[in-house]
Amino acid sequence: MKVLLVNGSPHRDGCTHLALSEVAETLEKNGLESEIFHIGAKPVQDCTGCFQCKEENISGCVFKDKLYTDFVDKIQQCDGIVIGSPVYYAGPPGSLCSILDRVFFSAGKFLKGKCAAAIVNCRRGGASAAFDRLNKYFTINQMPVVSSQYWNSTHGMNPDELRQDLEGLQTMRTLGNNIAFLVKSIGESKVTPPPQEERIATNFI
């Protein structure tokens, strides 16, 4: 069993990476494999709302950039996903939202039923707003959202400051334990998932 940890910060080894690493260590202690996938610092293609990914003859997003294809490939190989993000003006970075918009809209079938959690890091404020924004990706894709002992946030302007946030790091470890428990419970369950109705879309015009 494997959990994909997504580093949505442009800084590869910054605070978000440290928080994700705390989760990763806990997952591994529970016998789960994990991998940190870095979004990077390069510009990211937005979703253009073309809806071509919904056409029968189209597979996934029409923009086949490496970030997108690598991300979707890794999603298909995991049993759970954690999205990690810094807080920019009380929200996630635009680059992270851009790739998440495309992946969750065009490849939702690979995410459905997989355990999910978001974690955020901020200097001082805005964590709960960014956390709420990320959780909306999960709740529209029928993904069980994993909780911790507090909202999944850490605090620090740099990794050295974050290491002093003992409560935040403990929250990450509790989250890791809860993810491991739920991923294993679902993986070992003999209960059949509920049948799906044909999707209904109501447009208010």
N, C-alpha and C. Protein backbone atom coordinates (compact mmCIF):
# COMPACT_ATOMS: atom_id res chain seq x y z
N MET A 1 0.84 -1.20 0.00
CA MET A 1 0.00 0.00 0.00
C MET A 1 0.88 1.25 0.00
N LYS A 2 0.43 2.25 -0.73
CA LYS A 2 1.26 3.44 -0.93
C LYS A 2 0.44 4.71 -0.83
N VAL A 3 1.03 5.75 -0.24
CA VAL A 3 0.40 7.06 -0.13
C VAL A 3 1.26 8.07 -0.88
N LEU A 4 0.63 8.84 -1.75
CA LEU A 4 1.32 9.88 -2.51
C LEU A 4 1.24 11.19 -1.73
N LEU A 5 2.38 11.79 -1.47
CA LEU A 5 2.46 13.06 -0.76
C LEU A 5 2.87 14.14 -1.76
N VAL A 6 2.04 15.12 -1.95
CA VAL A 6 2.26 16.15 -2.97
C VAL A 6 2.78 17.43 -2.32
N ASN A 7 3.99 17.84 -2.72
CA ASN A 7 4.57 19.07 -2.22
C ASN A 7 4.18 20.20 -3.18
N GLY A 8 3.18 20.99 -2.77
CA GLY A 8 2.69 22.07 -3.62
C GLY A 8 3.44 23.37 -3.46
N SER A 9 4.56 23.35 -2.75
CA SER A 9 5.37 24.55 -2.58
C SER A 9 6.42 24.65 -3.68
N PRO A 10 6.75 25.86 -4.14
CA PRO A 10 7.84 26.01 -5.10
C PRO A 10 9.20 25.71 -4.49
N HIS A 11 9.26 25.63 -3.15
CA HIS A 11 10.52 25.32 -2.46
C HIS A 11 10.57 23.82 -2.16
N ARG A 12 11.49 23.14 -2.81
CA ARG A 12 11.55 21.68 -2.70
C ARG A 12 11.80 21.21 -1.27
N ASP A 13 12.64 21.91 -0.53
CA ASP A 13 13.03 21.46 0.81
C ASP A 13 12.61 22.45 1.90
N GLY A 14 11.49 23.10 1.70
CA GLY A 14 11.03 24.09 2.66
C GLY A 14 10.12 23.51 3.73
N CYS A 15 9.27 24.35 4.27
CA CYS A 15 8.39 23.95 5.38
C CYS A 15 7.38 22.89 4.98
N THR A 16 6.82 23.01 3.78
CA THR A 16 5.83 22.03 3.34
C THR A 16 6.46 20.65 3.24
N HIS A 17 7.66 20.60 2.71
CA HIS A 17 8.37 19.32 2.60
C HIS A 17 8.63 18.73 3.97
N LEU A 18 9.02 19.56 4.93
CA LEU A 18 9.28 19.07 6.28
C LEU A 18 8.02 18.49 6.91
N ALA A 19 6.89 19.18 6.74
CA ALA A 19 5.63 18.68 7.30
C ALA A 19 5.23 17.36 6.65
N LEU A 20 5.38 17.28 5.33
CA LEU A 20 5.07 16.04 4.62
C LEU A 20 6.00 14.91 5.06
N SER A 21 7.25 15.24 5.32
CA SER A 21 8.23 14.23 5.75
C SER A 21 7.84 13.64 7.09
N GLU A 22 7.25 14.46 7.96
CA GLU A 22 6.79 13.96 9.26
C GLU A 22 5.66 12.94 9.06
N VAL A 23 4.77 13.25 8.12
CA VAL A 23 3.70 12.31 7.78
C VAL A 23 4.30 11.03 7.17
N ALA A 24 5.27 11.20 6.28
CA ALA A 24 5.88 10.05 5.60
C ALA A 24 6.55 9.10 6.58
N GLU A 25 7.26 9.64 7.55
CA GLU A 25 7.94 8.80 8.54
C GLU A 25 6.93 7.98 9.34
N THR A 26 5.81 8.61 9.67
CA THR A 26 4.77 7.90 10.42
C THR A 26 4.12 6.82 9.57
N LEU A 27 3.88 7.10 8.32
CA LEU A 27 3.30 6.09 7.42
C LEU A 27 4.22 4.88 7.31
N GLU A 28 5.49 5.14 7.18
CA GLU A 28 6.45 4.05 7.04
C GLU A 28 6.54 3.21 8.31
N LYS A 29 6.39 3.86 9.47
CA LYS A 29 6.36 3.10 10.73
C LYS A 29 5.15 2.19 10.80
N ASN A 30 4.09 2.55 10.05
CA ASN A 30 2.89 1.74 10.00
C ASN A 30 2.91 0.73 8.84
N GLY A 31 4.05 0.65 8.17
CA GLY A 31 4.20 -0.34 7.10
C GLY A 31 3.69 0.11 5.74
N LEU A 32 3.43 1.39 5.56
CA LEU A 32 2.97 1.90 4.28
C LEU A 32 4.11 2.60 3.54
N GLU A 33 4.16 2.40 2.25
CA GLU A 33 5.13 3.08 1.41
C GLU A 33 4.63 4.49 1.12
N SER A 34 5.54 5.43 0.92
CA SER A 34 5.13 6.79 0.57
C SER A 34 6.14 7.39 -0.40
N GLU A 35 5.69 8.41 -1.10
CA GLU A 35 6.54 9.13 -2.05
C GLU A 35 6.14 10.59 -2.05
N ILE A 36 7.12 11.49 -2.01
CA ILE A 36 6.84 12.92 -2.09
C ILE A 36 7.02 13.36 -3.55
N PHE A 37 5.95 13.92 -4.11
CA PHE A 37 5.94 14.39 -5.49
C PHE A 37 5.95 15.91 -5.48
N HIS A 38 6.98 16.51 -6.07
CA HIS A 38 7.16 17.95 -6.01
C HIS A 38 6.56 18.62 -7.25
N ILE A 39 5.66 19.57 -7.05
CA ILE A 39 5.05 20.28 -8.17
C ILE A 39 6.08 21.13 -8.90
N GLY A 40 7.00 21.73 -8.17
CA GLY A 40 8.06 22.52 -8.79
C GLY A 40 7.77 24.00 -8.80
N ALA A 41 8.70 24.74 -9.38
CA ALA A 41 8.62 26.21 -9.38
C ALA A 41 8.37 26.78 -10.77
N LYS A 42 8.16 25.93 -11.77
CA LYS A 42 7.92 26.42 -13.13
C LYS A 42 6.45 26.78 -13.32
N PRO A 43 6.14 27.61 -14.33
CA PRO A 43 4.74 27.95 -14.61
C PRO A 43 3.93 26.69 -14.90
N VAL A 44 2.66 26.69 -14.47
CA VAL A 44 1.79 25.53 -14.64
C VAL A 44 0.58 25.93 -15.48
N GLN A 45 0.27 25.10 -16.46
CA GLN A 45 -0.90 25.33 -17.32
C GLN A 45 -2.19 25.28 -16.52
N ASP A 46 -3.03 26.28 -16.71
CA ASP A 46 -4.35 26.30 -16.07
C ASP A 46 -5.33 25.41 -16.82
N CYS A 47 -6.44 25.07 -16.14
CA CYS A 47 -7.59 24.49 -16.82
C CYS A 47 -8.27 25.60 -17.61
N THR A 48 -8.58 25.34 -18.89
CA THR A 48 -9.20 26.36 -19.73
C THR A 48 -10.71 26.16 -19.85
N GLY A 49 -11.25 25.14 -19.17
CA GLY A 49 -12.69 24.91 -19.23
C GLY A 49 -13.17 24.47 -20.60
N CYS A 50 -12.31 23.78 -21.36
CA CYS A 50 -12.69 23.36 -22.72
C CYS A 50 -13.60 22.13 -22.71
N PHE A 51 -13.59 21.39 -21.61
CA PHE A 51 -14.42 20.20 -21.42
C PHE A 51 -14.07 19.05 -22.39
N GLN A 52 -12.95 19.15 -23.08
CA GLN A 52 -12.59 18.08 -24.00
C GLN A 52 -12.22 16.80 -23.26
N CYS A 53 -11.80 16.92 -22.00
CA CYS A 53 -11.46 15.72 -21.22
C CYS A 53 -12.70 14.86 -20.95
N LYS A 54 -13.88 15.43 -21.15
CA LYS A 54 -15.12 14.68 -20.94
C LYS A 54 -15.61 13.98 -22.21
N GLU A 55 -14.94 14.24 -23.34
CA GLU A 55 -15.31 13.58 -24.59
C GLU A 55 -14.86 12.12 -24.57
N GLU A 56 -15.63 11.24 -25.17
CA GLU A 56 -15.36 9.80 -25.13
C GLU A 56 -14.03 9.44 -25.79
N ASN A 57 -13.62 10.18 -26.80
CA ASN A 57 -12.40 9.85 -27.52
C ASN A 57 -11.16 10.56 -26.98
N ILE A 58 -11.33 11.26 -25.86
CA ILE A 58 -10.20 11.97 -25.25
C ILE A 58 -9.85 11.29 -23.92
N SER A 59 -8.57 11.06 -23.69
CA SER A 59 -8.12 10.46 -22.44
C SER A 59 -7.40 11.51 -21.60
N GLY A 60 -8.06 11.99 -20.57
CA GLY A 60 -7.45 12.98 -19.69
C GLY A 60 -7.44 14.38 -20.28
N CYS A 61 -6.66 15.25 -19.66
CA CYS A 61 -6.55 16.64 -20.09
C CYS A 61 -5.88 16.71 -21.48
N VAL A 62 -6.33 17.64 -22.29
CA VAL A 62 -5.76 17.79 -23.63
C VAL A 62 -4.34 18.33 -23.57
N PHE A 63 -3.98 18.98 -22.48
CA PHE A 63 -2.61 19.45 -22.30
C PHE A 63 -1.79 18.33 -21.67
N LYS A 64 -0.94 17.70 -22.42
CA LYS A 64 -0.20 16.53 -21.95
C LYS A 64 1.21 16.91 -21.46
N ASP A 65 1.31 17.95 -20.65
CA ASP A 65 2.61 18.32 -20.10
C ASP A 65 3.07 17.26 -19.11
N LYS A 66 4.37 17.20 -18.89
CA LYS A 66 4.96 16.14 -18.07
C LYS A 66 4.45 16.18 -16.63
N LEU A 67 4.25 17.36 -16.08
CA LEU A 67 3.75 17.47 -14.70
C LEU A 67 2.41 16.77 -14.58
N TYR A 68 1.53 17.02 -15.52
CA TYR A 68 0.20 16.41 -15.49
C TYR A 68 0.27 14.90 -15.65
N THR A 69 0.98 14.43 -16.67
CA THR A 69 1.01 12.99 -16.94
C THR A 69 1.71 12.24 -15.81
N ASP A 70 2.79 12.80 -15.26
CA ASP A 70 3.47 12.15 -14.13
C ASP A 70 2.56 12.09 -12.91
N PHE A 71 1.85 13.17 -12.65
CA PHE A 71 0.96 13.25 -11.50
C PHE A 71 -0.14 12.19 -11.61
N VAL A 72 -0.78 12.11 -12.75
CA VAL A 72 -1.86 11.15 -12.94
C VAL A 72 -1.34 9.71 -12.85
N ASP A 73 -0.16 9.47 -13.40
CA ASP A 73 0.43 8.12 -13.30
C ASP A 73 0.63 7.73 -11.85
N LYS A 74 1.13 8.65 -11.04
CA LYS A 74 1.40 8.35 -9.63
C LYS A 74 0.11 8.17 -8.84
N ILE A 75 -0.93 8.92 -9.21
CA ILE A 75 -2.22 8.77 -8.55
C ILE A 75 -2.77 7.36 -8.77
N GLN A 76 -2.60 6.85 -9.97
CA GLN A 76 -3.12 5.52 -10.28
C GLN A 76 -2.41 4.43 -9.48
N GLN A 77 -1.21 4.71 -9.00
CA GLN A 77 -0.42 3.71 -8.28
C GLN A 77 -0.56 3.82 -6.77
N CYS A 78 -1.33 4.80 -6.28
CA CYS A 78 -1.39 5.02 -4.83
C CYS A 78 -2.75 4.63 -4.27
N ASP A 79 -2.78 4.45 -2.95
CA ASP A 79 -4.01 4.12 -2.23
C ASP A 79 -4.54 5.30 -1.42
N GLY A 80 -3.74 6.34 -1.32
CA GLY A 80 -4.14 7.54 -0.59
C GLY A 80 -3.30 8.71 -1.06
N ILE A 81 -3.77 9.92 -0.79
CA ILE A 81 -3.04 11.10 -1.25
C ILE A 81 -3.11 12.19 -0.20
N VAL A 82 -1.98 12.88 -0.01
CA VAL A 82 -1.90 14.03 0.89
C VAL A 82 -1.41 15.22 0.07
N ILE A 83 -2.17 16.29 0.05
CA ILE A 83 -1.76 17.51 -0.65
C ILE A 83 -1.19 18.48 0.37
N GLY A 84 0.08 18.83 0.20
CA GLY A 84 0.73 19.79 1.09
C GLY A 84 0.91 21.13 0.41
N SER A 85 0.68 22.21 1.15
CA SER A 85 0.73 23.54 0.54
C SER A 85 1.19 24.60 1.51
N PRO A 86 1.97 25.58 1.03
CA PRO A 86 2.19 26.79 1.82
C PRO A 86 0.94 27.66 1.72
N VAL A 87 0.87 28.68 2.55
CA VAL A 87 -0.27 29.60 2.54
C VAL A 87 0.15 30.92 1.91
N TYR A 88 -0.49 31.26 0.78
CA TYR A 88 -0.26 32.53 0.10
C TYR A 88 -1.56 33.33 0.14
N TYR A 89 -1.59 34.43 0.87
CA TYR A 89 -2.80 35.25 0.97
C TYR A 89 -4.01 34.39 1.34
N ALA A 90 -3.84 33.57 2.37
CA ALA A 90 -4.91 32.72 2.92
C ALA A 90 -5.40 31.67 1.93
N GLY A 91 -4.54 31.28 1.00
CA GLY A 91 -4.90 30.23 0.05
C GLY A 91 -3.67 29.51 -0.45
N PRO A 92 -3.87 28.41 -1.20
CA PRO A 92 -2.73 27.69 -1.78
C PRO A 92 -2.15 28.50 -2.95
N PRO A 93 -0.91 28.22 -3.35
CA PRO A 93 -0.32 28.89 -4.51
C PRO A 93 -1.14 28.63 -5.78
N GLY A 94 -1.14 29.59 -6.69
CA GLY A 94 -1.87 29.43 -7.94
C GLY A 94 -1.41 28.24 -8.75
N SER A 95 -0.11 27.95 -8.72
CA SER A 95 0.42 26.82 -9.50
C SER A 95 -0.16 25.50 -9.01
N LEU A 96 -0.30 25.36 -7.69
CA LEU A 96 -0.86 24.12 -7.14
C LEU A 96 -2.33 23.99 -7.53
N CYS A 97 -3.09 25.07 -7.39
CA CYS A 97 -4.51 25.01 -7.75
C CYS A 97 -4.69 24.74 -9.25
N SER A 98 -3.78 25.26 -10.06
CA SER A 98 -3.89 25.05 -11.51
C SER A 98 -3.77 23.57 -11.86
N ILE A 99 -2.80 22.88 -11.29
CA ILE A 99 -2.65 21.46 -11.62
C ILE A 99 -3.73 20.63 -10.95
N LEU A 100 -4.15 21.00 -9.75
CA LEU A 100 -5.23 20.25 -9.09
C LEU A 100 -6.54 20.41 -9.83
N ASP A 101 -6.82 21.61 -10.34
CA ASP A 101 -8.04 21.81 -11.14
C ASP A 101 -8.07 20.84 -12.31
N ARG A 102 -6.96 20.72 -13.01
CA ARG A 102 -6.92 19.86 -14.19
C ARG A 102 -6.98 18.38 -13.83
N VAL A 103 -6.22 17.98 -12.82
CA VAL A 103 -6.15 16.56 -12.44
C VAL A 103 -7.49 16.09 -11.88
N PHE A 104 -8.06 16.85 -10.96
CA PHE A 104 -9.29 16.39 -10.33
C PHE A 104 -10.47 16.43 -11.30
N PHE A 105 -10.45 17.33 -12.27
CA PHE A 105 -11.55 17.41 -13.23
C PHE A 105 -11.44 16.34 -14.31
N SER A 106 -10.23 16.07 -14.77
CA SER A 106 -10.07 15.15 -15.90
C SER A 106 -9.75 13.72 -15.48
N ALA A 107 -9.25 13.52 -14.28
CA ALA A 107 -8.82 12.19 -13.85
C ALA A 107 -9.45 11.78 -12.52
N GLY A 108 -10.64 12.30 -12.26
CA GLY A 108 -11.32 12.00 -11.01
C GLY A 108 -11.60 10.53 -10.80
N LYS A 109 -11.74 9.78 -11.90
CA LYS A 109 -12.04 8.35 -11.77
C LYS A 109 -10.90 7.59 -11.09
N PHE A 110 -9.70 8.14 -11.12
CA PHE A 110 -8.56 7.50 -10.46
C PHE A 110 -8.45 7.91 -8.99
N LEU A 111 -9.22 8.89 -8.57
CA LEU A 111 -9.15 9.41 -7.20
C LEU A 111 -10.30 8.92 -6.33
N LYS A 112 -11.41 8.61 -6.95
CA LYS A 112 -12.60 8.19 -6.22
C LYS A 112 -12.32 7.04 -5.26
N GLY A 113 -12.74 7.20 -4.00
CA GLY A 113 -12.60 6.15 -3.01
C GLY A 113 -11.26 6.09 -2.32
N LYS A 114 -10.30 6.92 -2.76
CA LYS A 114 -8.98 6.89 -2.12
C LYS A 114 -8.95 7.87 -0.96
N CYS A 115 -8.27 7.48 0.12
CA CYS A 115 -8.17 8.35 1.30
C CYS A 115 -7.40 9.62 0.94
N ALA A 116 -7.82 10.73 1.53
CA ALA A 116 -7.19 12.01 1.19
C ALA A 116 -7.07 12.91 2.41
N ALA A 117 -6.07 13.76 2.38
CA ALA A 117 -5.89 14.76 3.43
C ALA A 117 -5.11 15.93 2.85
N ALA A 118 -5.32 17.09 3.43
CA ALA A 118 -4.56 18.29 3.07
C ALA A 118 -3.79 18.76 4.28
N ILE A 119 -2.60 19.29 4.05
CA ILE A 119 -1.84 19.94 5.11
C ILE A 119 -1.34 21.28 4.59
N VAL A 120 -1.27 22.27 5.47
CA VAL A 120 -0.84 23.60 5.07
C VAL A 120 0.17 24.14 6.09
N ASN A 121 1.03 25.01 5.61
CA ASN A 121 1.99 25.68 6.50
C ASN A 121 1.93 27.18 6.27
N CYS A 122 1.90 27.92 7.37
CA CYS A 122 1.89 29.37 7.25
C CYS A 122 2.81 29.99 8.30
N ARG A 123 3.14 31.25 8.09
CA ARG A 123 3.94 31.96 9.09
C ARG A 123 3.10 32.26 10.32
N ARG A 124 1.85 32.72 10.06
CA ARG A 124 1.03 33.15 11.20
C ARG A 124 -0.46 32.85 11.00
N GLY A 125 -1.08 33.37 9.92
CA GLY A 125 -2.51 33.22 9.71
C GLY A 125 -2.85 32.76 8.31
N GLY A 126 -4.14 32.47 8.10
CA GLY A 126 -4.61 32.05 6.79
C GLY A 126 -4.64 30.56 6.57
N ALA A 127 -4.21 29.79 7.57
CA ALA A 127 -4.11 28.34 7.40
C ALA A 127 -5.46 27.69 7.17
N SER A 128 -6.46 28.06 7.97
CA SER A 128 -7.75 27.38 7.87
C SER A 128 -8.44 27.64 6.54
N ALA A 129 -8.25 28.83 5.96
CA ALA A 129 -8.85 29.14 4.67
C ALA A 129 -8.19 28.31 3.56
N ALA A 130 -6.87 28.20 3.60
CA ALA A 130 -6.16 27.40 2.60
C ALA A 130 -6.51 25.91 2.76
N PHE A 131 -6.61 25.46 3.98
CA PHE A 131 -6.98 24.07 4.28
C PHE A 131 -8.37 23.75 3.73
N ASP A 132 -9.29 24.67 3.94
CA ASP A 132 -10.66 24.48 3.44
C ASP A 132 -10.68 24.41 1.92
N ARG A 133 -9.91 25.25 1.27
CA ARG A 133 -9.85 25.27 -0.21
C ARG A 133 -9.41 23.91 -0.75
N LEU A 134 -8.40 23.32 -0.15
CA LEU A 134 -7.86 22.05 -0.63
C LEU A 134 -8.83 20.90 -0.37
N ASN A 135 -9.50 20.93 0.76
CA ASN A 135 -10.43 19.83 1.08
C ASN A 135 -11.59 19.74 0.10
N LYS A 136 -11.92 20.84 -0.56
CA LYS A 136 -13.03 20.82 -1.52
C LYS A 136 -12.72 19.92 -2.73
N TYR A 137 -11.45 19.75 -3.05
CA TYR A 137 -11.11 18.83 -4.15
C TYR A 137 -11.51 17.40 -3.78
N PHE A 138 -11.33 17.05 -2.53
CA PHE A 138 -11.61 15.67 -2.10
C PHE A 138 -13.11 15.40 -2.00
N THR A 139 -13.83 16.36 -1.44
CA THR A 139 -15.23 16.10 -1.15
C THR A 139 -16.11 16.08 -2.39
N ILE A 140 -15.62 16.57 -3.52
CA ILE A 140 -16.38 16.50 -4.77
C ILE A 140 -16.03 15.25 -5.56
N ASN A 141 -15.04 14.49 -5.08
CA ASN A 141 -14.60 13.29 -5.79
C ASN A 141 -14.80 12.01 -4.98
N GLN A 142 -15.69 12.04 -4.00
CA GLN A 142 -16.03 10.86 -3.20
C GLN A 142 -14.80 10.23 -2.54
N MET A 143 -13.94 11.06 -1.98
CA MET A 143 -12.73 10.60 -1.32
C MET A 143 -12.90 10.71 0.20
N PRO A 144 -12.69 9.64 0.95
CA PRO A 144 -12.75 9.72 2.41
C PRO A 144 -11.67 10.68 2.94
N VAL A 145 -12.08 11.72 3.63
CA VAL A 145 -11.13 12.72 4.14
C VAL A 145 -10.66 12.31 5.52
N VAL A 146 -9.35 12.24 5.70
CA VAL A 146 -8.76 11.80 6.96
C VAL A 146 -8.47 13.03 7.84
N SER A 147 -8.83 12.91 9.11
CA SER A 147 -8.63 14.02 10.04
C SER A 147 -7.48 13.73 11.00
N SER A 148 -7.17 14.75 11.80
CA SER A 148 -6.13 14.60 12.82
C SER A 148 -6.66 15.15 14.14
N GLN A 149 -5.79 15.50 15.06
CA GLN A 149 -6.21 15.99 16.36
C GLN A 149 -6.50 17.49 16.34
N TYR A 150 -6.15 18.13 15.25
CA TYR A 150 -6.39 19.56 15.05
C TYR A 150 -6.41 19.77 13.55
N TRP A 151 -6.77 20.97 13.09
CA TRP A 151 -6.68 21.21 11.65
C TRP A 151 -5.24 21.01 11.21
N ASN A 152 -5.07 20.45 10.03
CA ASN A 152 -3.74 20.00 9.59
C ASN A 152 -2.86 21.15 9.16
N SER A 153 -2.35 21.89 10.13
CA SER A 153 -1.50 23.03 9.81
C SER A 153 -0.26 23.04 10.68
N THR A 154 0.81 23.55 10.09
CA THR A 154 2.05 23.80 10.83
C THR A 154 2.41 25.26 10.65
N HIS A 155 3.28 25.75 11.53
CA HIS A 155 3.63 27.16 11.50
C HIS A 155 5.15 27.35 11.51
N GLY A 156 5.60 28.26 10.66
CA GLY A 156 7.02 28.58 10.61
C GLY A 156 7.35 29.28 9.32
N MET A 157 8.26 30.23 9.38
CA MET A 157 8.70 30.96 8.19
C MET A 157 9.76 30.16 7.43
N ASN A 158 10.41 29.24 8.16
CA ASN A 158 11.43 28.38 7.56
C ASN A 158 11.44 27.06 8.33
N PRO A 159 12.12 26.04 7.82
CA PRO A 159 12.11 24.73 8.50
C PRO A 159 12.59 24.78 9.95
N ASP A 160 13.57 25.63 10.25
CA ASP A 160 14.05 25.71 11.63
C ASP A 160 12.96 26.20 12.57
N GLU A 161 12.16 27.18 12.12
CA GLU A 161 11.05 27.65 12.95
C GLU A 161 9.97 26.58 13.06
N LEU A 162 9.71 25.87 11.96
CA LEU A 162 8.67 24.84 11.99
C LEU A 162 9.02 23.73 12.98
N ARG A 163 10.29 23.41 13.09
CA ARG A 163 10.72 22.35 14.04
C ARG A 163 10.38 22.71 15.48
N GLN A 164 10.13 24.01 15.75
CA GLN A 164 9.74 24.43 17.09
C GLN A 164 8.22 24.31 17.32
N ASP A 165 7.49 24.07 16.22
CA ASP A 165 6.04 23.92 16.34
C ASP A 165 5.73 22.46 16.70
N LEU A 166 5.91 22.14 17.96
CA LEU A 166 5.76 20.76 18.40
C LEU A 166 4.33 20.25 18.23
N GLU A 167 3.35 21.13 18.45
CA GLU A 167 1.96 20.71 18.27
C GLU A 167 1.66 20.43 16.80
N GLY A 168 2.17 21.28 15.93
CA GLY A 168 1.95 21.07 14.51
C GLY A 168 2.56 19.77 14.02
N LEU A 169 3.78 19.47 14.45
CA LEU A 169 4.43 18.23 14.05
C LEU A 169 3.70 17.01 14.62
N GLN A 170 3.19 17.15 15.84
CA GLN A 170 2.41 16.05 16.41
C GLN A 170 1.13 15.85 15.61
N THR A 171 0.52 16.93 15.17
CA THR A 171 -0.68 16.84 14.33
C THR A 171 -0.37 16.07 13.04
N MET A 172 0.82 16.29 12.48
CA MET A 172 1.23 15.55 11.27
C MET A 172 1.39 14.06 11.56
N ARG A 173 1.95 13.74 12.71
CA ARG A 173 2.14 12.31 13.06
C ARG A 173 0.79 11.63 13.31
N THR A 174 -0.10 12.33 14.00
CA THR A 174 -1.44 11.78 14.23
C THR A 174 -2.14 11.56 12.90
N LEU A 175 -1.99 12.51 11.98
CA LEU A 175 -2.58 12.37 10.66
C LEU A 175 -2.01 11.14 9.95
N GLY A 176 -0.70 10.96 10.02
CA GLY A 176 -0.08 9.80 9.39
C GLY A 176 -0.62 8.49 9.94
N ASN A 177 -0.78 8.42 11.25
CA ASN A 177 -1.35 7.21 11.87
C ASN A 177 -2.79 6.97 11.40
N ASN A 178 -3.58 8.03 11.33
CA ASN A 178 -4.97 7.89 10.92
C ASN A 178 -5.10 7.51 9.44
N ILE A 179 -4.22 8.06 8.60
CA ILE A 179 -4.22 7.69 7.19
C ILE A 179 -3.88 6.20 7.05
N ALA A 180 -2.85 5.77 7.75
CA ALA A 180 -2.45 4.36 7.68
C ALA A 180 -3.59 3.45 8.12
N PHE A 181 -4.25 3.83 9.20
CA PHE A 181 -5.37 3.02 9.70
C PHE A 181 -6.49 2.91 8.66
N LEU A 182 -6.85 4.05 8.07
CA LEU A 182 -7.98 4.05 7.12
C LEU A 182 -7.62 3.36 5.81
N VAL A 183 -6.41 3.60 5.31
CA VAL A 183 -5.97 2.95 4.07
C VAL A 183 -5.97 1.43 4.24
N LYS A 184 -5.45 0.97 5.37
CA LYS A 184 -5.43 -0.47 5.63
C LYS A 184 -6.84 -1.01 5.80
N SER A 185 -7.69 -0.28 6.50
CA SER A 185 -9.06 -0.74 6.73
C SER A 185 -9.82 -0.89 5.42
N ILE A 186 -9.67 0.08 4.53
CA ILE A 186 -10.34 0.00 3.24
C ILE A 186 -9.74 -1.11 2.39
N GLY A 187 -8.41 -1.20 2.40
CA GLY A 187 -7.74 -2.21 1.58
C GLY A 187 -8.06 -3.63 1.98
N GLU A 188 -8.28 -3.84 3.27
CA GLU A 188 -8.54 -5.19 3.78
C GLU A 188 -10.02 -5.50 3.92
N SER A 189 -10.87 -4.50 3.65
CA SER A 189 -12.31 -4.70 3.81
C SER A 189 -12.89 -5.60 2.72
N LYS A 190 -13.85 -6.39 3.10
CA LYS A 190 -14.56 -7.25 2.14
C LYS A 190 -15.91 -6.64 1.76
N VAL A 191 -16.15 -5.42 2.22
CA VAL A 191 -17.41 -4.75 1.91
C VAL A 191 -17.34 -4.17 0.50
N THR A 192 -18.38 -4.40 -0.29
CA THR A 192 -18.43 -3.91 -1.66
C THR A 192 -18.82 -2.43 -1.67
N PRO A 193 -18.10 -1.60 -2.41
CA PRO A 193 -18.48 -0.18 -2.50
C PRO A 193 -19.90 -0.03 -3.03
N PRO A 194 -20.60 1.05 -2.66
CA PRO A 194 -21.99 1.23 -3.09
C PRO A 194 -22.07 1.43 -4.60
N PRO A 195 -23.18 0.98 -5.21
CA PRO A 195 -23.36 1.19 -6.65
C PRO A 195 -23.52 2.68 -6.95
N GLN A 196 -23.14 3.08 -8.15
CA GLN A 196 -23.22 4.49 -8.53
C GLN A 196 -24.39 4.75 -9.47
N GLU A 197 -25.16 5.78 -9.16
CA GLU A 197 -26.20 6.21 -10.08
C GLU A 197 -25.55 6.94 -11.25
N GLU A 198 -26.26 6.99 -12.37
CA GLU A 198 -25.80 7.79 -13.48
C GLU A 198 -25.81 9.25 -13.05
N ARG A 199 -24.72 9.95 -13.36
CA ARG A 199 -24.56 11.33 -12.89
C ARG A 199 -25.64 12.24 -13.45
N ILE A 200 -26.22 13.05 -12.58
CA ILE A 200 -27.21 14.05 -12.97
C ILE A 200 -26.59 15.44 -12.80
N ALA A 201 -26.71 16.25 -13.82
CA ALA A 201 -26.23 17.63 -13.76
C ALA A 201 -27.39 18.57 -13.98
N THR A 202 -27.65 19.40 -12.98
CA THR A 202 -28.74 20.38 -13.09
C THR A 202 -28.15 21.76 -13.23
N ASN A 203 -28.44 22.41 -14.35
CA ASN A 203 -27.94 23.76 -14.58
C ASN A 203 -29.06 24.78 -14.29
N PHE A 204 -28.77 25.77 -13.49
CA PHE A 204 -29.75 26.79 -13.16
C PHE A 204 -29.54 27.97 -14.11
N ILE A 205 -30.46 28.14 -15.04
CA ILE A 205 -30.30 29.14 -16.10
C ILE A 205 -31.30 30.28 -15.86
